[in-house]
């Protein structure tokens, strides 16, 4: 944890292949979503993932660049995109014919 704190949790800068960059994670996630939508057309599905994956999808939905820099702006509350907390739920919903999903975020803090 102390090493990560010293890096400001930037595990991406300076990482070389085979380690993924934010855009790689985002692209892989979009491929997963596309396969899931095609396989389960008209049905609701659930996927469990880590916070960075959710952050990169949220940035995309809100029209921001998918990058570590944008992620850090969320953490500093400079971009109005929620940073996932433990046990939170982020929902993406594609309405028929729309290219971009709507995003909803729910956390334990919302229920208090």
N, C-alpha and C. Protein backbone atom coordinates (compact mmCIF):
# COMPACT_ATOMS: atom_id res chain seq x y z
N UNK A 1 0.83 -1.19 0.00
CA UNK A 1 0.00 0.00 0.00
C UNK A 1 0.87 1.25 0.00
N UNK A 2 1.96 1.23 0.76
CA UNK A 2 2.82 2.41 0.80
C UNK A 2 3.42 2.71 -0.58
N UNK A 3 3.78 1.65 -1.33
CA UNK A 3 4.30 1.86 -2.68
C UNK A 3 3.23 2.46 -3.59
N UNK A 4 2.01 1.97 -3.49
CA UNK A 4 0.91 2.50 -4.30
C UNK A 4 0.60 3.94 -3.91
N UNK A 5 0.59 4.23 -2.62
CA UNK A 5 0.37 5.61 -2.18
C UNK A 5 1.44 6.53 -2.73
N UNK A 6 2.69 6.08 -2.74
CA UNK A 6 3.79 6.89 -3.26
C UNK A 6 3.62 7.16 -4.75
N UNK A 7 2.94 6.25 -5.45
CA UNK A 7 2.69 6.40 -6.90
C UNK A 7 1.35 7.08 -7.15
N UNK A 8 0.66 7.50 -6.08
CA UNK A 8 -0.69 8.06 -6.19
C UNK A 8 -1.63 7.07 -6.90
N UNK A 9 -1.36 5.80 -6.68
CA UNK A 9 -2.16 4.70 -7.23
C UNK A 9 -2.16 4.67 -8.75
N UNK A 10 -1.16 5.30 -9.36
CA UNK A 10 -1.03 5.28 -10.82
C UNK A 10 -0.25 4.03 -11.22
N UNK A 11 -0.98 2.95 -11.46
CA UNK A 11 -0.34 1.70 -11.85
C UNK A 11 -0.13 1.63 -13.36
N UNK A 12 -0.50 2.67 -14.07
CA UNK A 12 -0.46 2.66 -15.53
C UNK A 12 0.78 3.35 -16.11
N UNK A 13 1.15 4.51 -15.59
CA UNK A 13 2.28 5.26 -16.16
C UNK A 13 3.55 4.44 -16.07
N UNK A 14 4.21 4.35 -17.20
CA UNK A 14 5.48 3.63 -17.25
C UNK A 14 5.33 2.13 -17.41
N UNK A 15 4.10 1.63 -17.40
CA UNK A 15 3.89 0.19 -17.58
C UNK A 15 4.02 -0.16 -19.06
N UNK A 16 4.72 -1.22 -19.31
CA UNK A 16 4.93 -1.68 -20.69
C UNK A 16 4.16 -2.98 -20.90
N UNK A 17 3.91 -3.34 -22.16
CA UNK A 17 3.25 -4.63 -22.43
C UNK A 17 4.02 -5.75 -21.73
N UNK A 18 3.32 -6.70 -21.18
CA UNK A 18 1.94 -7.07 -21.44
C UNK A 18 0.93 -6.37 -20.52
N UNK A 19 1.35 -5.40 -19.73
CA UNK A 19 0.42 -4.73 -18.82
C UNK A 19 -0.47 -3.76 -19.60
N UNK A 20 -1.74 -3.75 -19.24
CA UNK A 20 -2.72 -2.95 -19.97
C UNK A 20 -2.72 -1.49 -19.53
N UNK A 21 -3.07 -0.64 -20.47
CA UNK A 21 -3.32 0.77 -20.22
C UNK A 21 -4.83 0.95 -20.12
N UNK A 22 -5.30 2.10 -19.59
CA UNK A 22 -6.75 2.31 -19.47
C UNK A 22 -7.52 2.04 -20.75
N UNK A 23 -7.03 2.49 -21.89
CA UNK A 23 -7.76 2.29 -23.15
C UNK A 23 -7.84 0.82 -23.51
N UNK A 24 -6.81 0.03 -23.15
CA UNK A 24 -6.84 -1.41 -23.40
C UNK A 24 -7.93 -2.08 -22.56
N UNK A 25 -8.02 -1.69 -21.30
CA UNK A 25 -9.05 -2.24 -20.40
C UNK A 25 -10.43 -1.87 -20.92
N UNK A 26 -10.58 -0.60 -21.32
CA UNK A 26 -11.86 -0.12 -21.85
C UNK A 26 -12.26 -0.91 -23.11
N UNK A 27 -11.33 -1.06 -24.04
CA UNK A 27 -11.63 -1.77 -25.29
C UNK A 27 -11.99 -3.23 -25.03
N UNK A 28 -11.27 -3.88 -24.13
CA UNK A 28 -11.58 -5.27 -23.79
C UNK A 28 -12.96 -5.37 -23.15
N UNK A 29 -13.29 -4.40 -22.31
CA UNK A 29 -14.59 -4.39 -21.64
C UNK A 29 -15.71 -4.16 -22.64
N UNK A 30 -15.50 -3.25 -23.59
CA UNK A 30 -16.52 -3.02 -24.63
C UNK A 30 -16.74 -4.28 -25.47
N UNK A 31 -15.69 -5.04 -25.75
CA UNK A 31 -15.85 -6.29 -26.47
C UNK A 31 -16.69 -7.27 -25.66
N UNK A 32 -16.44 -7.35 -24.36
CA UNK A 32 -17.23 -8.21 -23.49
C UNK A 32 -18.70 -7.79 -23.50
N UNK A 33 -18.94 -6.49 -23.41
CA UNK A 33 -20.32 -5.98 -23.41
C UNK A 33 -21.01 -6.33 -24.73
N UNK A 34 -20.32 -6.13 -25.83
CA UNK A 34 -20.90 -6.43 -27.14
C UNK A 34 -21.26 -7.91 -27.25
N UNK A 35 -20.36 -8.80 -26.81
CA UNK A 35 -20.66 -10.24 -26.84
C UNK A 35 -21.84 -10.57 -25.94
N UNK A 36 -21.90 -9.93 -24.77
CA UNK A 36 -22.98 -10.20 -23.83
C UNK A 36 -24.31 -9.73 -24.38
N UNK A 37 -24.34 -8.53 -24.94
CA UNK A 37 -25.59 -8.01 -25.53
C UNK A 37 -26.07 -8.93 -26.65
N UNK A 38 -25.16 -9.36 -27.50
CA UNK A 38 -25.55 -10.25 -28.61
C UNK A 38 -26.00 -11.62 -28.12
N UNK A 39 -25.40 -12.12 -27.07
CA UNK A 39 -25.74 -13.45 -26.56
C UNK A 39 -27.02 -13.46 -25.74
N UNK A 40 -27.33 -12.34 -25.10
CA UNK A 40 -28.49 -12.29 -24.19
C UNK A 40 -29.43 -11.15 -24.57
N UNK A 41 -29.64 -10.99 -25.84
CA UNK A 41 -30.48 -9.90 -26.37
C UNK A 41 -31.84 -9.86 -25.65
N UNK A 42 -32.19 -8.66 -25.15
CA UNK A 42 -33.47 -8.48 -24.48
C UNK A 42 -33.51 -8.94 -23.04
N UNK A 43 -32.38 -9.39 -22.51
CA UNK A 43 -32.35 -9.88 -21.14
C UNK A 43 -31.44 -8.99 -20.30
N UNK A 44 -31.66 -9.03 -18.99
CA UNK A 44 -30.77 -8.33 -18.07
C UNK A 44 -29.64 -9.26 -17.68
N UNK A 45 -28.44 -8.70 -17.61
CA UNK A 45 -27.28 -9.50 -17.20
C UNK A 45 -26.51 -8.74 -16.13
N UNK A 46 -25.72 -9.49 -15.39
CA UNK A 46 -24.90 -8.90 -14.33
C UNK A 46 -23.46 -9.31 -14.58
N UNK A 47 -22.55 -8.35 -14.43
CA UNK A 47 -21.12 -8.63 -14.51
C UNK A 47 -20.46 -7.97 -13.30
N UNK A 48 -19.51 -8.65 -12.73
CA UNK A 48 -18.79 -8.13 -11.57
C UNK A 48 -17.37 -7.82 -12.00
N UNK A 49 -16.88 -6.63 -11.61
CA UNK A 49 -15.54 -6.24 -12.03
C UNK A 49 -14.92 -5.31 -10.99
N UNK A 50 -13.75 -4.81 -11.31
CA UNK A 50 -13.02 -3.90 -10.43
C UNK A 50 -13.37 -2.45 -10.73
N UNK A 51 -13.01 -1.58 -9.82
CA UNK A 51 -13.37 -0.16 -9.91
C UNK A 51 -12.85 0.51 -11.18
N UNK A 52 -11.60 0.25 -11.56
CA UNK A 52 -11.05 0.93 -12.73
C UNK A 52 -11.87 0.64 -13.99
N UNK A 53 -12.31 -0.59 -14.15
CA UNK A 53 -13.13 -0.94 -15.31
C UNK A 53 -14.41 -0.12 -15.32
N UNK A 54 -15.04 0.02 -14.17
CA UNK A 54 -16.27 0.81 -14.05
C UNK A 54 -15.98 2.28 -14.32
N UNK A 55 -14.87 2.77 -13.79
CA UNK A 55 -14.50 4.17 -14.01
C UNK A 55 -14.31 4.45 -15.49
N UNK A 56 -13.62 3.56 -16.20
CA UNK A 56 -13.36 3.80 -17.62
C UNK A 56 -14.66 3.75 -18.43
N UNK A 57 -15.57 2.84 -18.09
CA UNK A 57 -16.88 2.82 -18.75
C UNK A 57 -17.67 4.09 -18.44
N UNK A 58 -17.62 4.52 -17.19
CA UNK A 58 -18.35 5.73 -16.79
C UNK A 58 -17.82 6.96 -17.51
N UNK A 59 -16.50 7.06 -17.64
CA UNK A 59 -15.91 8.19 -18.38
C UNK A 59 -16.41 8.20 -19.81
N UNK A 60 -16.42 7.03 -20.45
CA UNK A 60 -16.89 6.91 -21.84
C UNK A 60 -18.34 7.36 -21.97
N UNK A 61 -19.21 6.86 -21.08
CA UNK A 61 -20.63 7.20 -21.14
C UNK A 61 -20.83 8.71 -20.96
N UNK A 62 -20.04 9.32 -20.09
CA UNK A 62 -20.18 10.75 -19.82
C UNK A 62 -19.43 11.63 -20.82
N UNK A 63 -18.74 11.02 -21.80
CA UNK A 63 -18.10 11.79 -22.85
C UNK A 63 -16.69 12.27 -22.53
N UNK A 64 -16.05 11.69 -21.53
CA UNK A 64 -14.69 12.07 -21.17
C UNK A 64 -13.68 11.10 -21.76
N UNK A 65 -12.43 11.53 -21.84
CA UNK A 65 -11.35 10.69 -22.32
C UNK A 65 -11.14 9.52 -21.34
N UNK A 66 -10.90 8.34 -21.88
CA UNK A 66 -10.61 7.17 -21.06
C UNK A 66 -9.09 7.15 -20.85
N UNK A 67 -8.67 7.56 -19.63
CA UNK A 67 -7.24 7.63 -19.32
C UNK A 67 -7.05 7.67 -17.81
N UNK A 68 -5.81 7.45 -17.37
CA UNK A 68 -5.53 7.56 -15.95
C UNK A 68 -5.72 9.00 -15.48
N UNK A 69 -5.38 9.96 -16.33
CA UNK A 69 -5.54 11.37 -15.97
C UNK A 69 -7.00 11.68 -15.66
N UNK A 70 -7.91 11.21 -16.52
CA UNK A 70 -9.34 11.44 -16.27
C UNK A 70 -9.78 10.73 -14.99
N UNK A 71 -9.27 9.52 -14.78
CA UNK A 71 -9.61 8.78 -13.54
C UNK A 71 -9.18 9.59 -12.32
N UNK A 72 -8.01 10.18 -12.36
CA UNK A 72 -7.54 10.95 -11.20
C UNK A 72 -8.38 12.21 -10.99
N UNK A 73 -8.92 12.77 -12.07
CA UNK A 73 -9.81 13.94 -11.94
C UNK A 73 -11.12 13.56 -11.24
N UNK A 74 -11.60 12.34 -11.47
CA UNK A 74 -12.77 11.86 -10.75
C UNK A 74 -12.46 11.75 -9.26
N UNK A 75 -11.33 11.15 -8.95
CA UNK A 75 -10.94 10.95 -7.55
C UNK A 75 -10.81 12.29 -6.82
N UNK A 76 -10.39 13.32 -7.55
CA UNK A 76 -10.25 14.65 -6.94
C UNK A 76 -11.52 15.48 -7.07
N UNK A 77 -12.61 14.86 -7.53
CA UNK A 77 -13.94 15.48 -7.66
C UNK A 77 -13.94 16.64 -8.65
N UNK A 78 -13.05 16.56 -9.67
CA UNK A 78 -12.99 17.60 -10.69
C UNK A 78 -13.82 17.22 -11.92
N UNK A 79 -14.26 15.96 -11.98
CA UNK A 79 -15.17 15.48 -13.02
C UNK A 79 -16.34 14.85 -12.28
N UNK A 80 -17.55 15.16 -12.70
CA UNK A 80 -18.75 14.67 -12.02
C UNK A 80 -19.13 13.27 -12.51
N UNK A 81 -18.29 12.32 -12.13
CA UNK A 81 -18.54 10.90 -12.38
C UNK A 81 -18.25 10.20 -11.06
N UNK A 82 -19.19 9.39 -10.54
CA UNK A 82 -18.94 8.76 -9.25
C UNK A 82 -17.80 7.75 -9.32
N UNK A 83 -16.96 7.75 -8.29
CA UNK A 83 -15.92 6.73 -8.18
C UNK A 83 -16.50 5.58 -7.38
N UNK A 84 -16.50 4.37 -7.94
CA UNK A 84 -17.16 3.24 -7.27
C UNK A 84 -16.60 2.96 -5.88
N UNK A 85 -17.51 2.83 -4.93
CA UNK A 85 -17.14 2.45 -3.58
C UNK A 85 -17.38 0.95 -3.42
N UNK A 86 -16.79 0.32 -2.39
CA UNK A 86 -17.04 -1.11 -2.18
C UNK A 86 -18.54 -1.40 -2.09
N UNK A 87 -18.95 -2.46 -2.74
CA UNK A 87 -20.34 -2.94 -2.74
C UNK A 87 -21.30 -1.99 -3.46
N UNK A 88 -20.79 -1.10 -4.29
CA UNK A 88 -21.67 -0.22 -5.07
C UNK A 88 -22.11 -0.96 -6.33
N UNK A 89 -23.15 -0.43 -6.96
CA UNK A 89 -23.66 -1.01 -8.19
C UNK A 89 -23.74 0.09 -9.24
N UNK A 90 -23.10 -0.15 -10.37
CA UNK A 90 -23.18 0.76 -11.51
C UNK A 90 -23.93 0.02 -12.61
N UNK A 91 -25.00 0.62 -13.09
CA UNK A 91 -25.82 -0.01 -14.12
C UNK A 91 -25.67 0.73 -15.44
N UNK A 92 -25.52 -0.03 -16.50
CA UNK A 92 -25.54 0.51 -17.85
C UNK A 92 -26.75 -0.08 -18.53
N UNK A 93 -27.55 0.77 -19.17
CA UNK A 93 -28.75 0.30 -19.84
C UNK A 93 -28.78 0.85 -21.26
N UNK A 94 -28.85 -0.07 -22.21
CA UNK A 94 -28.97 0.31 -23.61
C UNK A 94 -30.44 0.25 -24.01
N UNK A 95 -30.99 1.38 -24.42
CA UNK A 95 -32.34 1.39 -24.96
C UNK A 95 -32.25 0.99 -26.42
N UNK A 96 -33.28 0.33 -26.91
CA UNK A 96 -33.28 -0.13 -28.30
C UNK A 96 -32.89 0.99 -29.26
N UNK A 97 -31.89 0.68 -30.09
CA UNK A 97 -31.49 1.61 -31.13
C UNK A 97 -30.52 2.70 -30.70
N UNK A 98 -30.20 2.81 -29.41
CA UNK A 98 -29.28 3.85 -28.95
C UNK A 98 -27.87 3.28 -28.83
N UNK A 99 -26.90 4.07 -29.30
CA UNK A 99 -25.51 3.63 -29.27
C UNK A 99 -24.92 3.75 -27.87
N UNK A 100 -25.35 4.76 -27.13
CA UNK A 100 -24.77 5.00 -25.80
C UNK A 100 -25.76 4.58 -24.71
N UNK A 101 -25.25 3.93 -23.68
CA UNK A 101 -26.14 3.52 -22.59
C UNK A 101 -26.38 4.68 -21.62
N UNK A 102 -27.39 4.51 -20.79
CA UNK A 102 -27.55 5.41 -19.64
C UNK A 102 -26.83 4.75 -18.48
N UNK A 103 -26.36 5.57 -17.56
CA UNK A 103 -25.58 5.09 -16.43
C UNK A 103 -26.29 5.45 -15.14
N UNK A 104 -26.40 4.49 -14.24
CA UNK A 104 -26.92 4.74 -12.90
C UNK A 104 -25.93 4.19 -11.90
N UNK A 105 -25.77 4.90 -10.80
CA UNK A 105 -24.83 4.50 -9.75
C UNK A 105 -25.55 4.46 -8.41
N UNK A 106 -25.36 3.39 -7.67
CA UNK A 106 -25.95 3.23 -6.35
C UNK A 106 -24.88 2.71 -5.39
N UNK A 107 -24.84 3.29 -4.19
CA UNK A 107 -23.88 2.82 -3.19
C UNK A 107 -24.59 2.67 -1.84
N UNK A 108 -23.90 2.07 -0.91
CA UNK A 108 -24.44 1.94 0.43
C UNK A 108 -24.71 3.31 1.04
N UNK A 109 -23.91 4.29 0.66
CA UNK A 109 -24.09 5.66 1.16
C UNK A 109 -25.45 6.22 0.74
N UNK A 110 -25.96 5.78 -0.43
CA UNK A 110 -27.25 6.25 -0.92
C UNK A 110 -28.40 5.80 -0.01
N UNK A 111 -28.23 4.65 0.65
CA UNK A 111 -29.33 4.10 1.45
C UNK A 111 -29.36 4.65 2.87
N UNK A 112 -28.37 5.42 3.26
CA UNK A 112 -28.33 5.99 4.62
C UNK A 112 -29.15 7.24 4.73
